[in-house]
Protein backbone atom coordinates (compact mmCIF):
# COMPACT_ATOMS: atom_id res chain seq x y z
CA UNK A 1 -14.19 21.83 -8.24
CA UNK A 2 -12.05 20.28 -10.96
CA UNK A 3 -11.65 16.52 -10.93
CA UNK A 4 -8.15 15.06 -10.94
CA UNK A 5 -6.95 12.36 -13.29
CA UNK A 6 -6.35 9.31 -11.08
CA UNK A 7 -4.59 7.50 -13.96
CA UNK A 8 -1.62 9.84 -13.97
CA UNK A 9 -1.22 10.77 -10.32
CA UNK A 10 0.98 8.99 -7.79
CA UNK A 11 -0.44 7.96 -4.43
CA UNK A 12 2.27 8.56 -1.83
CA UNK A 13 1.61 6.79 1.48
CA UNK A 14 3.52 8.40 4.33
CA UNK A 15 3.80 6.38 7.55
CA UNK A 16 5.87 7.36 10.59
CA UNK A 17 7.15 4.35 12.54
CA UNK A 18 8.52 3.79 16.00
CA UNK A 19 8.84 0.25 17.41
CA UNK A 20 6.03 -1.15 15.26
CA UNK A 21 7.49 -4.60 14.57
CA UNK A 22 4.35 -6.33 15.88
CA UNK A 23 2.10 -4.40 13.48
CA UNK A 24 4.05 -4.33 10.19
CA UNK A 25 2.96 -7.67 8.69
CA UNK A 26 -0.76 -6.92 9.08
CA UNK A 27 -0.25 -3.38 7.79
CA UNK A 28 1.51 -4.74 4.70
CA UNK A 29 -1.26 -7.25 4.05
CA UNK A 30 -3.94 -4.56 4.27
CA UNK A 31 -2.16 -1.96 2.14
CA UNK A 32 -0.92 -4.34 -0.55
CA UNK A 33 -4.41 -5.75 -1.10
CA UNK A 34 -5.98 -2.28 -1.23
CA UNK A 35 -3.73 0.00 -3.27
CA UNK A 36 -2.59 -0.54 -6.88
CA UNK A 37 1.15 -1.21 -7.12
CA UNK A 38 1.58 0.71 -10.37
CA UNK A 39 1.04 4.22 -9.03
CA UNK A 40 1.65 3.80 -5.28
CA UNK A 41 4.84 4.87 -3.49
CA UNK A 42 5.35 4.05 0.18
CA UNK A 43 7.42 6.36 2.39
CA UNK A 44 8.34 5.24 5.90
CA UNK A 45 10.08 7.60 8.33
CA UNK A 46 11.48 5.68 11.28
CA UNK A 47 11.96 7.53 14.55
CA UNK A 48 14.90 5.45 15.84
CA UNK A 49 13.05 2.19 16.47
CA UNK A 50 14.77 -0.17 18.88
CA UNK A 51 13.16 -3.28 17.39
CA UNK A 52 13.33 -4.75 13.87
CA UNK A 53 10.63 -2.51 12.35
CA UNK A 54 12.79 -1.57 9.36
CA UNK A 55 13.77 -5.17 8.58
CA UNK A 56 10.12 -6.22 8.63
CA UNK A 57 9.11 -3.37 6.30
CA UNK A 58 11.69 -4.63 3.81
CA UNK A 59 10.47 -8.21 4.26
CA UNK A 60 6.71 -7.80 4.04
CA UNK A 61 6.10 -5.01 1.55
CA UNK A 62 5.95 -6.10 -2.08
CA UNK A 63 8.81 -5.07 -4.35
CA UNK A 64 6.15 -4.01 -6.87
CA UNK A 65 5.72 -0.83 -4.83
CA UNK A 66 8.15 2.02 -4.77
CA UNK A 67 9.46 2.17 -1.20
CA UNK A 68 11.61 4.73 0.60
CA UNK A 69 12.68 4.16 4.21
CA UNK A 70 14.08 7.24 5.93
CA UNK A 71 15.97 6.49 9.15
CA UNK A 72 16.33 9.37 11.57
CA UNK A 73 19.40 9.90 13.73
CA UNK A 74 17.44 11.26 16.69
CA UNK A 75 14.03 10.45 18.14
CA UNK A 76 12.02 13.66 17.88
CA UNK A 77 8.42 12.52 17.52
CA UNK A 78 5.79 12.11 14.79
CA UNK A 79 5.64 15.78 13.81
CA UNK A 80 9.30 15.76 12.87
CA UNK A 81 8.80 12.47 10.98
CA UNK A 82 5.87 13.86 9.00
CA UNK A 83 7.79 17.00 8.15
CA UNK A 84 10.76 14.99 6.86
CA UNK A 85 8.44 12.76 4.85
CA UNK A 86 6.51 15.66 3.35
CA UNK A 87 9.74 17.35 2.29
CA UNK A 88 10.97 14.15 0.63
CA UNK A 89 7.70 13.63 -1.24
CA UNK A 90 7.51 17.23 -2.48
CA UNK A 91 11.04 16.91 -3.88
CA UNK A 92 10.23 13.63 -5.67
CA UNK A 93 6.67 14.28 -6.83
CA UNK A 94 6.40 14.81 -10.59
CA UNK A 95 2.72 15.70 -10.81
CA UNK A 96 0.90 18.55 -9.11
CA UNK A 97 -2.14 16.27 -8.86
CA UNK A 98 -0.33 13.71 -6.69
CA UNK A 99 -1.86 12.93 -3.31
CA UNK A 100 -0.36 11.96 0.04
CA UNK A 101 -2.05 9.49 2.37
CA UNK A 102 -0.87 9.72 5.98
CA UNK A 103 -1.71 7.07 8.53
CA UNK A 104 -0.66 5.29 11.70
CA UNK A 105 1.57 2.23 11.45
CA UNK A 106 -0.34 0.41 14.22
CA UNK A 107 -3.34 -0.60 12.07
CA UNK A 108 -5.82 1.68 13.85
CA UNK A 109 -6.36 3.52 10.53
CA UNK A 110 -9.27 1.77 8.79
CA UNK A 111 -7.81 0.72 5.43
CA UNK A 112 -11.31 -0.34 4.39
CA UNK A 113 -12.30 3.28 3.76
CA UNK A 114 -9.09 4.25 1.97
CA UNK A 115 -10.31 3.81 -1.61
CA UNK A 116 -13.41 5.84 -0.75
CA UNK A 117 -11.20 8.60 0.68
CA UNK A 118 -9.06 8.59 -2.48
CA UNK A 119 -12.15 8.79 -4.70
CA UNK A 120 -13.48 11.74 -2.71
CA UNK A 121 -10.10 13.49 -2.86
CA UNK A 122 -10.31 13.37 -6.65
CA UNK A 123 -13.38 15.61 -6.59
CA UNK A 124 -11.10 18.56 -5.90
CA UNK A 125 -10.63 18.45 -2.14
CA UNK A 126 -7.28 19.53 -0.72
CA UNK A 127 -7.62 17.60 2.52
CA UNK A 128 -9.71 14.54 3.39
CA UNK A 129 -9.98 13.71 7.08
CA UNK A 130 -10.91 10.28 8.46
CA UNK A 131 -13.24 11.26 11.29
CA UNK A 132 -14.47 9.33 14.30
CA UNK A 133 -16.83 12.24 15.05
CA UNK A 134 -18.61 12.40 11.68
CA UNK A 135 -22.00 10.70 11.38
CA UNK A 136 -21.24 7.00 10.97
CA UNK A 137 -17.87 7.20 12.69
CA UNK A 138 -16.97 6.23 16.23
CA UNK A 139 -14.76 4.28 18.59
CA UNK A 140 -14.46 0.54 19.11
CA UNK A 141 -12.38 -1.09 21.86
CA UNK A 142 -11.19 2.29 23.13
CA UNK A 143 -11.13 3.13 26.84
CA UNK A 144 -13.74 5.50 28.24
CA UNK A 145 -10.96 7.73 29.60
CA UNK A 146 -9.40 8.21 26.16
CA UNK A 147 -12.82 8.92 24.64
CA UNK A 148 -13.54 11.61 27.24
CA UNK A 149 -10.10 13.23 26.88
CA UNK A 150 -10.39 13.22 23.07
CA UNK A 151 -13.92 14.64 23.10
CA UNK A 152 -13.22 17.57 25.42
CA UNK A 153 -9.87 18.38 23.79
CA UNK A 154 -11.55 18.48 20.38
CA UNK A 155 -14.39 20.61 21.70
CA UNK A 156 -12.05 23.13 23.33
CA UNK A 157 -9.73 23.57 20.35
CA UNK A 158 -12.58 23.72 17.83
CA UNK A 159 -14.15 26.52 19.89
CA UNK A 160 -10.95 28.50 20.46
CA UNK A 161 -9.75 28.33 16.84
CA UNK A 162 -13.24 28.36 15.29
CA UNK A 163 -12.65 25.10 13.45
CA UNK A 164 -15.59 23.57 11.61
CA UNK A 165 -13.96 20.15 11.17
CA UNK A 166 -14.89 17.62 13.83
CA UNK A 167 -11.67 15.60 13.99
CA UNK A 168 -8.45 17.50 14.70
CA UNK A 169 -5.67 15.09 15.58
CA UNK A 170 -6.02 11.89 13.56
CA UNK A 171 -3.00 10.89 11.45
CA UNK A 172 -5.30 9.32 8.85
CA UNK A 173 -5.71 11.90 6.08
CA UNK A 174 -5.25 12.57 2.38
CA UNK A 175 -3.49 15.78 1.31
CA UNK A 176 -3.16 17.17 -2.19
CA UNK A 177 0.47 17.84 -3.05
CA UNK A 178 -0.51 21.36 -4.09
CA UNK A 179 -1.82 22.12 -0.58
CA UNK A 180 1.43 21.02 1.03
CA UNK A 181 3.45 23.10 -1.41
CA UNK A 182 1.28 26.12 -0.55
CA UNK A 183 1.80 25.56 3.17
CA UNK A 184 5.54 25.23 2.63
CA UNK A 185 5.65 28.44 0.60
CA UNK A 186 3.52 30.38 3.09
CA UNK A 187 5.06 29.18 6.36
CA UNK A 188 8.53 28.03 5.18
CA UNK A 189 8.15 24.82 7.19
CA UNK A 190 5.11 22.55 6.87
CA UNK A 191 5.27 21.39 10.51
CA UNK A 192 7.14 23.02 13.38
CA UNK A 193 5.72 20.92 16.21
CA UNK A 194 7.46 17.60 16.85
CA UNK A 195 4.74 15.91 18.90
CA UNK A 196 1.19 14.72 18.19
CA UNK A 197 -0.02 18.33 18.18
CA UNK A 198 1.45 18.48 14.65
CA UNK A 199 -1.87 17.32 13.18
CA UNK A 200 -3.69 20.30 14.63
CA UNK A 201 -0.93 22.62 13.43
CA UNK A 202 -1.16 21.51 9.80
CA UNK A 203 -4.96 21.55 9.91
CA UNK A 204 -4.93 25.17 11.11
CA UNK A 205 -2.47 26.12 8.36
CA UNK A 206 -4.69 24.43 5.78
CA UNK A 207 -7.74 26.33 7.02
CA UNK A 208 -5.83 29.61 6.94
CA UNK A 209 -5.02 28.97 3.27
CA UNK A 210 -8.70 28.30 2.54
CA UNK A 211 -8.13 24.64 1.74
CA UNK A 212 -11.13 22.59 0.60
CA UNK A 213 -11.64 20.12 3.45
CA UNK A 214 -14.05 17.23 3.85
CA UNK A 215 -14.48 14.51 6.49
CA UNK A 216 -15.18 10.82 5.97
CA UNK A 217 -16.58 8.72 8.86
CA UNK A 218 -14.25 6.11 10.35
CA UNK A 219 -14.50 3.58 13.17
CA UNK A 220 -11.34 3.67 15.28
CA UNK A 221 -10.63 0.14 16.51
CA UNK A 222 -7.79 0.17 19.01
CA UNK A 223 -8.14 -3.58 19.53
CA UNK A 224 -6.19 -4.34 16.33
CA UNK A 225 -3.10 -2.54 17.63
CA UNK A 226 -0.38 -4.76 19.04
CA UNK A 227 1.72 -3.08 21.69
CA UNK A 228 1.02 0.16 23.52
CA UNK A 229 -0.06 3.43 21.98
CA UNK A 230 2.86 5.79 21.42
CA UNK A 231 0.78 8.76 22.56
CA UNK A 232 1.26 9.59 26.23
CA UNK A 233 -1.75 11.46 27.64
CA UNK A 234 0.07 13.75 30.10
CA UNK A 235 2.89 14.66 27.71
CA UNK A 236 0.45 15.27 24.87
CA UNK A 237 -1.81 17.39 27.09
CA UNK A 238 1.15 19.60 28.04
CA UNK A 239 2.14 20.05 24.38
CA UNK A 240 -1.44 20.99 23.44
CA UNK A 241 -1.53 23.55 26.26
CA UNK A 242 1.76 25.10 25.16
CA UNK A 243 0.57 25.21 21.56
CA UNK A 244 -2.64 26.96 22.63
CA UNK A 245 -0.80 29.63 24.63
CA UNK A 246 1.64 30.28 21.79
CA UNK A 247 -0.78 30.22 18.85
CA UNK A 248 -4.33 31.13 19.90
CA UNK A 249 -4.02 34.58 18.27
CA UNK A 250 -1.97 33.42 15.29
CA UNK A 251 -4.67 31.30 13.66
């Protein structure tokens, strides 16, 4: 695998937001002390927040970073936000070695492992997954019910689609820009699904294109999140079931 030149690439950080006003200041503190300002560009796609999320992004993120805030006209979910953000980044990327970091806005993504993930991505991997199921990963301050639901959903979909990766649905990933361009060329649209199932969709597309994928252990700490999780168990379960029925032969 060919190494990539980290001195010339741009690190795009793509973060979907929806009513995250309580979490923005801490997120800004973590990101701005972790990533170099010179080659980092932050892209926020807001899904019609009803609070002052956008104002706080403008307030707390350093002007040393390139920042784009995309405001949607209709609340459609994280999949739609990611797709809009990916399209914007592909149009504005000037280097085929650029990378895209995706993460939650609620601080449950462990920024402490981000530089390690970036370093690993430079070894030639197309997709780096932050994984609670890899050796060394796990959950902290997460309800037993959510752990059980996550475990059995992962097990079922890994078996049905013959997926070797252990973590399927986490937002916290690093994509090579070349992988996303390949997905766009092959499937016309990077993400069709609007809900949380979008992460499984893009993972399956990456696997189908023989992407080089690696997982990095992460501890998911839900205790740092302020406010409720945006993922609703029943609604998400229904969307996963529909996705399975529609796509189990496709991938």
